[in-house]
Amino acid sequence: MRASTTSGKVKSPTKLKQKFAFDAQAFLDSAGVARRIVEYPKSQKIYSQDDPATHVMYIQKGAVKLSVVNEVGKEAVLAMLGSGDFFGDGGMAGQAFRMGSATAVVPTTLLVIDKNEMIRVLHDEHEFSDRFVAYMLSRNIRIEEDLVDQLFNSSEKRLARTLLLLARYGKDEQPHGVIPKISQETLADMIGTTRSRVNFFMNKFRRLGFIQYGSDSLQVHKSLLSVVLHE
C-alpha cells in the first residue's frame, strides 16, 4: 500500500500522527466544558481517601501523586501523573468516595470538572469520548506494567523506568525531557525501595550523564533507556 500524497510529496508517519494527535486542553477550551481552574502549592492535598468522588481533574501543569494509606498509616504510591493527564474519574463509574489520596508534588494547576458535566461531554462529543476511552485503557495497561515492574525488575531499573515515564518518553507526544524536581523519598515510595538506594542510583545516573539536576527541575535524557533495556 502506498502512503497518501499531496502535490507529489509523501507524508511521513510522524507528520500523520501529529495531524491526528488529540489536544485535550484545546478541546476542553473549545467545547464550552464547564470547569474551574484551581492552583495547588507543593505538598497540598487535592483530595483525601473517603472524600466524595464528585469531580474529574485534568492537569494543566505540575505533577500529582496518587497514593493510598492502610490502617496503620503506611503509604503506597500508586502513580505519578503530569500535565495532560486526567485523574479522579472513579466517580464516573459509580464510585461514591475516593479510594485514595491525590497530592500536588510541585506547584500544580488543574481543571476541575464536575463528574456529571464530564459524563455529558462524553455522551455528546464522540471524538473526545473515543480519545478519553483510549487514554483510560492505556493508563490501565500502564498500571499492569507497573505491577510487573515491581515484581520482576531491580530497583535500579524501576527508578530508571519511572523517570522516563515522568519525562513522557514512550508517549505519543514529544517527550518533555525536563520534569519538576521530585523528592527522593517520593521516588522511593513509588518504586518500593529505600531513599538511600534512590540516592545511590540517582548519583550514578548523573555521573553517567543520564540525568542532570537544575535548581527546581530534573533533565532526563533518552540515554537512560540503556538501564531499562540492559539485561
Protein backbone atom coordinates (compact mmCIF):
# COMPACT_ATOMS: atom_id res chain seq x y z
CA MET A 1 0.00 0.00 0.00
CA ARG A 2 1.37 3.43 -0.95
CA ALA A 3 1.40 6.32 1.52
CA SER A 4 -1.01 9.18 0.80
CA THR A 5 0.49 12.10 -1.10
CA THR A 6 -0.15 15.79 -1.55
CA SER A 7 1.42 17.62 -4.53
CA GLY A 8 3.67 14.62 -5.07
CA LYS A 9 5.11 14.74 -1.53
CA VAL A 10 4.85 11.71 0.73
CA LYS A 11 3.53 12.42 4.22
CA SER A 12 5.71 10.80 6.86
CA PRO A 13 4.09 8.64 9.58
CA THR A 14 5.32 11.16 12.17
CA LYS A 15 3.50 14.03 10.44
CA LEU A 16 0.35 11.97 10.10
CA LYS A 17 0.47 11.17 13.81
CA GLN A 18 0.90 14.86 14.62
CA LYS A 19 -2.04 15.75 12.36
CA PHE A 20 -4.40 13.41 14.17
CA ALA A 21 -2.99 13.98 17.67
CA PHE A 22 -5.73 14.99 20.07
CA ASP A 23 -5.19 18.04 22.28
CA ALA A 24 -7.45 17.52 25.30
CA GLN A 25 -6.74 21.02 26.62
CA ALA A 26 -7.73 22.65 23.31
CA PHE A 27 -10.88 20.56 23.15
CA LEU A 28 -11.93 21.42 26.70
CA ASP A 29 -11.38 25.10 25.84
CA SER A 30 -13.34 24.99 22.58
CA ALA A 31 -16.25 22.74 23.61
CA GLY A 32 -17.51 25.05 26.32
CA VAL A 33 -16.98 22.48 29.07
CA ALA A 34 -17.98 23.92 32.45
CA ARG A 35 -14.93 23.77 34.69
CA ARG A 36 -12.87 25.84 37.07
CA ILE A 37 -9.13 26.36 37.32
CA VAL A 38 -7.58 25.62 40.70
CA GLU A 39 -3.95 26.08 41.70
CA TYR A 40 -2.31 23.97 44.41
CA PRO A 41 1.03 24.69 46.09
CA LYS A 42 3.61 21.97 46.56
CA SER A 43 2.58 19.20 49.00
CA GLN A 44 -1.07 20.32 49.26
CA LYS A 45 -3.74 17.61 49.26
CA ILE A 46 -6.11 17.80 46.30
CA TYR A 47 -8.42 15.21 47.83
CA SER A 48 -8.15 12.56 50.54
CA GLN A 49 -9.28 8.97 50.94
CA ASP A 50 -13.03 8.73 51.60
CA ASP A 51 -13.76 12.22 50.22
CA PRO A 52 -16.86 12.32 47.94
CA ALA A 53 -15.92 11.42 44.34
CA THR A 54 -17.71 14.33 42.68
CA HIS A 55 -15.17 15.77 40.21
CA VAL A 56 -12.71 14.79 37.48
CA MET A 57 -9.38 16.64 37.25
CA TYR A 58 -7.17 17.47 34.28
CA ILE A 59 -3.58 18.54 34.92
CA GLN A 60 -2.64 21.71 33.04
CA LYS A 61 0.81 21.86 34.57
CA GLY A 62 2.62 20.33 37.51
CA ALA A 63 2.66 16.82 38.95
CA VAL A 64 0.24 14.84 41.12
CA LYS A 65 0.91 11.83 43.34
CA LEU A 66 -1.85 9.25 43.78
CA SER A 67 -1.50 7.15 46.94
CA VAL A 68 -3.32 5.01 49.48
CA VAL A 69 -2.73 4.64 53.21
CA ASN A 70 -3.50 1.48 55.18
CA GLU A 71 -4.96 1.27 58.69
CA VAL A 72 -1.53 1.59 60.36
CA GLY A 73 -0.59 4.66 58.32
CA LYS A 74 1.75 3.12 55.75
CA GLU A 75 1.51 4.90 52.39
CA ALA A 76 1.82 3.26 48.98
CA VAL A 77 2.29 5.44 45.89
CA LEU A 78 0.04 4.22 43.05
CA ALA A 79 1.06 6.63 40.30
CA MET A 80 2.73 9.91 39.48
CA LEU A 81 0.85 11.97 36.88
CA GLY A 82 1.87 15.03 34.90
CA SER A 83 0.50 17.64 32.52
CA GLY A 84 -2.08 16.23 30.11
CA ASP A 85 -3.28 13.52 32.50
CA PHE A 86 -6.77 13.04 33.90
CA PHE A 87 -7.45 11.63 37.36
CA GLY A 88 -10.25 11.36 39.89
CA ASP A 89 -12.53 9.70 37.35
CA GLY A 90 -13.75 6.88 39.62
CA GLY A 91 -16.95 8.78 40.38
CA MET A 92 -18.00 8.46 36.74
CA ALA A 93 -18.08 4.67 37.21
CA GLY A 94 -20.22 4.81 40.33
CA GLN A 95 -17.50 5.26 42.95
CA ALA A 96 -19.12 7.31 45.72
CA PHE A 97 -15.93 8.01 47.69
CA ARG A 98 -12.25 8.37 46.85
CA MET A 99 -10.29 5.14 47.22
CA GLY A 100 -7.03 7.03 47.69
CA SER A 101 -5.49 10.48 48.00
CA ALA A 102 -4.11 12.94 45.45
CA THR A 103 -1.33 15.37 46.37
CA ALA A 104 0.43 18.11 44.41
CA VAL A 105 4.12 17.17 44.23
CA VAL A 106 5.08 20.58 42.82
CA PRO A 107 3.00 23.74 42.27
CA THR A 108 0.17 22.41 40.12
CA THR A 109 -2.69 23.87 38.07
CA LEU A 110 -5.81 21.76 37.49
CA LEU A 111 -9.01 21.98 35.51
CA VAL A 112 -11.72 20.68 37.85
CA ILE A 113 -14.80 19.30 36.06
CA ASP A 114 -17.99 18.12 37.72
CA LYS A 115 -18.41 14.40 37.02
CA ASN A 116 -21.92 14.93 35.59
CA GLU A 117 -20.56 17.57 33.19
CA MET A 118 -17.82 15.16 32.15
CA ILE A 119 -20.37 12.41 31.52
CA ARG A 120 -22.44 14.85 29.41
CA VAL A 121 -19.42 15.77 27.29
CA LEU A 122 -18.51 12.10 26.76
CA HIS A 123 -22.07 11.43 25.54
CA ASP A 124 -22.24 14.49 23.27
CA GLU A 125 -18.71 14.69 21.85
CA HIS A 126 -17.78 11.42 20.19
CA GLU A 127 -14.22 12.32 19.27
CA PHE A 128 -13.44 13.34 22.82
CA SER A 129 -15.17 10.20 24.12
CA ASP A 130 -13.07 7.95 21.86
CA ARG A 131 -9.85 9.64 22.93
CA PHE A 132 -10.77 9.58 26.61
CA VAL A 133 -11.56 5.84 26.49
CA ALA A 134 -8.25 5.21 24.70
CA TYR A 135 -6.47 7.22 27.41
CA MET A 136 -8.12 5.20 30.19
CA LEU A 137 -7.20 1.91 28.53
CA SER A 138 -3.59 3.00 28.13
CA ARG A 139 -3.50 4.03 31.79
CA ASN A 140 -4.77 0.59 32.83
CA ILE A 141 -2.01 -1.00 30.74
CA ARG A 142 0.48 1.28 32.49
CA ILE A 143 -0.76 0.08 35.91
CA GLU A 144 -0.31 -3.55 34.84
CA GLU A 145 3.19 -2.78 33.58
CA ASP A 146 3.99 -1.07 36.89
CA LEU A 147 2.94 -4.23 38.75
CA VAL A 148 5.16 -6.42 36.55
CA ASP A 149 7.97 -3.91 37.05
CA GLN A 150 7.61 -4.16 40.85
CA LEU A 151 7.58 -7.96 40.77
CA PHE A 152 10.42 -8.73 38.38
CA ASN A 153 12.80 -5.79 37.93
CA SER A 154 15.60 -4.44 40.10
CA SER A 155 15.15 -1.16 41.97
CA GLU A 156 17.66 0.47 39.59
CA LYS A 157 15.56 -0.47 36.55
CA ARG A 158 12.34 0.57 38.31
CA LEU A 159 13.80 4.00 39.08
CA ALA A 160 15.05 4.48 35.50
CA ARG A 161 11.65 3.46 34.08
CA THR A 162 9.82 5.79 36.46
CA LEU A 163 11.98 8.78 35.50
CA LEU A 164 11.49 8.06 31.78
CA LEU A 165 7.72 7.81 32.22
CA LEU A 166 7.60 11.06 34.17
CA ALA A 167 9.52 12.70 31.32
CA ARG A 168 6.87 11.29 28.90
CA TYR A 169 9.22 9.02 26.97
CA GLY A 170 7.13 6.30 25.30
CA LYS A 171 4.11 8.61 24.92
CA ASP A 172 2.61 9.57 21.55
CA GLU A 173 3.50 13.21 22.03
CA GLN A 174 7.03 14.55 22.12
CA PRO A 175 8.76 13.76 25.44
CA HIS A 176 9.21 16.66 27.83
CA GLY A 177 12.68 15.66 28.99
CA VAL A 178 12.51 18.15 31.87
CA ILE A 179 10.37 17.28 34.89
CA PRO A 180 9.78 19.10 38.18
CA LYS A 181 12.23 18.01 40.85
CA ILE A 182 10.69 15.22 42.95
CA SER A 183 11.93 14.27 46.40
CA GLN A 184 13.92 11.08 46.73
CA GLU A 185 11.50 9.95 49.43
CA THR A 186 8.63 10.11 46.92
CA LEU A 187 10.65 8.24 44.28
CA ALA A 188 11.49 5.59 46.88
CA ASP A 189 7.80 5.18 47.70
CA MET A 190 6.93 4.89 44.03
CA ILE A 191 9.37 2.09 43.27
CA GLY A 192 9.25 0.28 46.59
CA THR A 193 12.76 0.80 47.92
CA THR A 194 14.67 2.99 50.37
CA ARG A 195 15.70 6.62 49.99
CA SER A 196 19.37 5.62 50.32
CA ARG A 197 19.06 3.29 47.32
CA VAL A 198 17.38 6.02 45.27
CA ASN A 199 20.15 8.44 46.25
CA PHE A 200 22.80 5.92 45.17
CA PHE A 201 21.21 5.32 41.76
CA MET A 202 20.43 8.99 41.12
CA ASN A 203 24.09 9.86 41.74
CA LYS A 204 25.09 7.02 39.41
CA PHE A 205 22.70 8.23 36.68
CA ARG A 206 24.05 11.77 36.99
CA ARG A 207 27.66 10.59 36.88
CA LEU A 208 26.94 8.65 33.68
CA GLY A 209 25.22 11.66 32.09
CA PHE A 210 21.73 10.11 32.05
CA ILE A 211 20.21 12.91 34.15
CA GLN A 212 21.05 16.49 35.13
CA TYR A 213 19.81 18.48 38.10
CA GLY A 214 18.51 22.03 37.88
CA SER A 215 17.52 24.32 40.74
CA ASP A 216 13.89 23.15 40.64
CA SER A 217 13.83 20.61 37.82
CA LEU A 218 15.40 17.40 36.57
CA GLN A 219 16.59 16.79 33.00
CA VAL A 220 16.07 13.17 31.92
CA HIS A 221 17.99 12.07 28.83
CA LYS A 222 16.85 9.30 26.49
CA SER A 223 20.15 7.52 27.15
CA LEU A 224 18.64 6.42 30.48
CA LEU A 225 16.80 3.81 28.40
CA SER A 226 20.02 1.79 28.40
CA VAL A 227 19.44 0.98 32.08
CA VAL A 228 15.91 -0.30 31.39
CA LEU A 229 16.95 -2.34 28.34
CA HIS A 230 20.10 -3.82 29.87
CA GLU A 231 19.73 -7.48 30.84
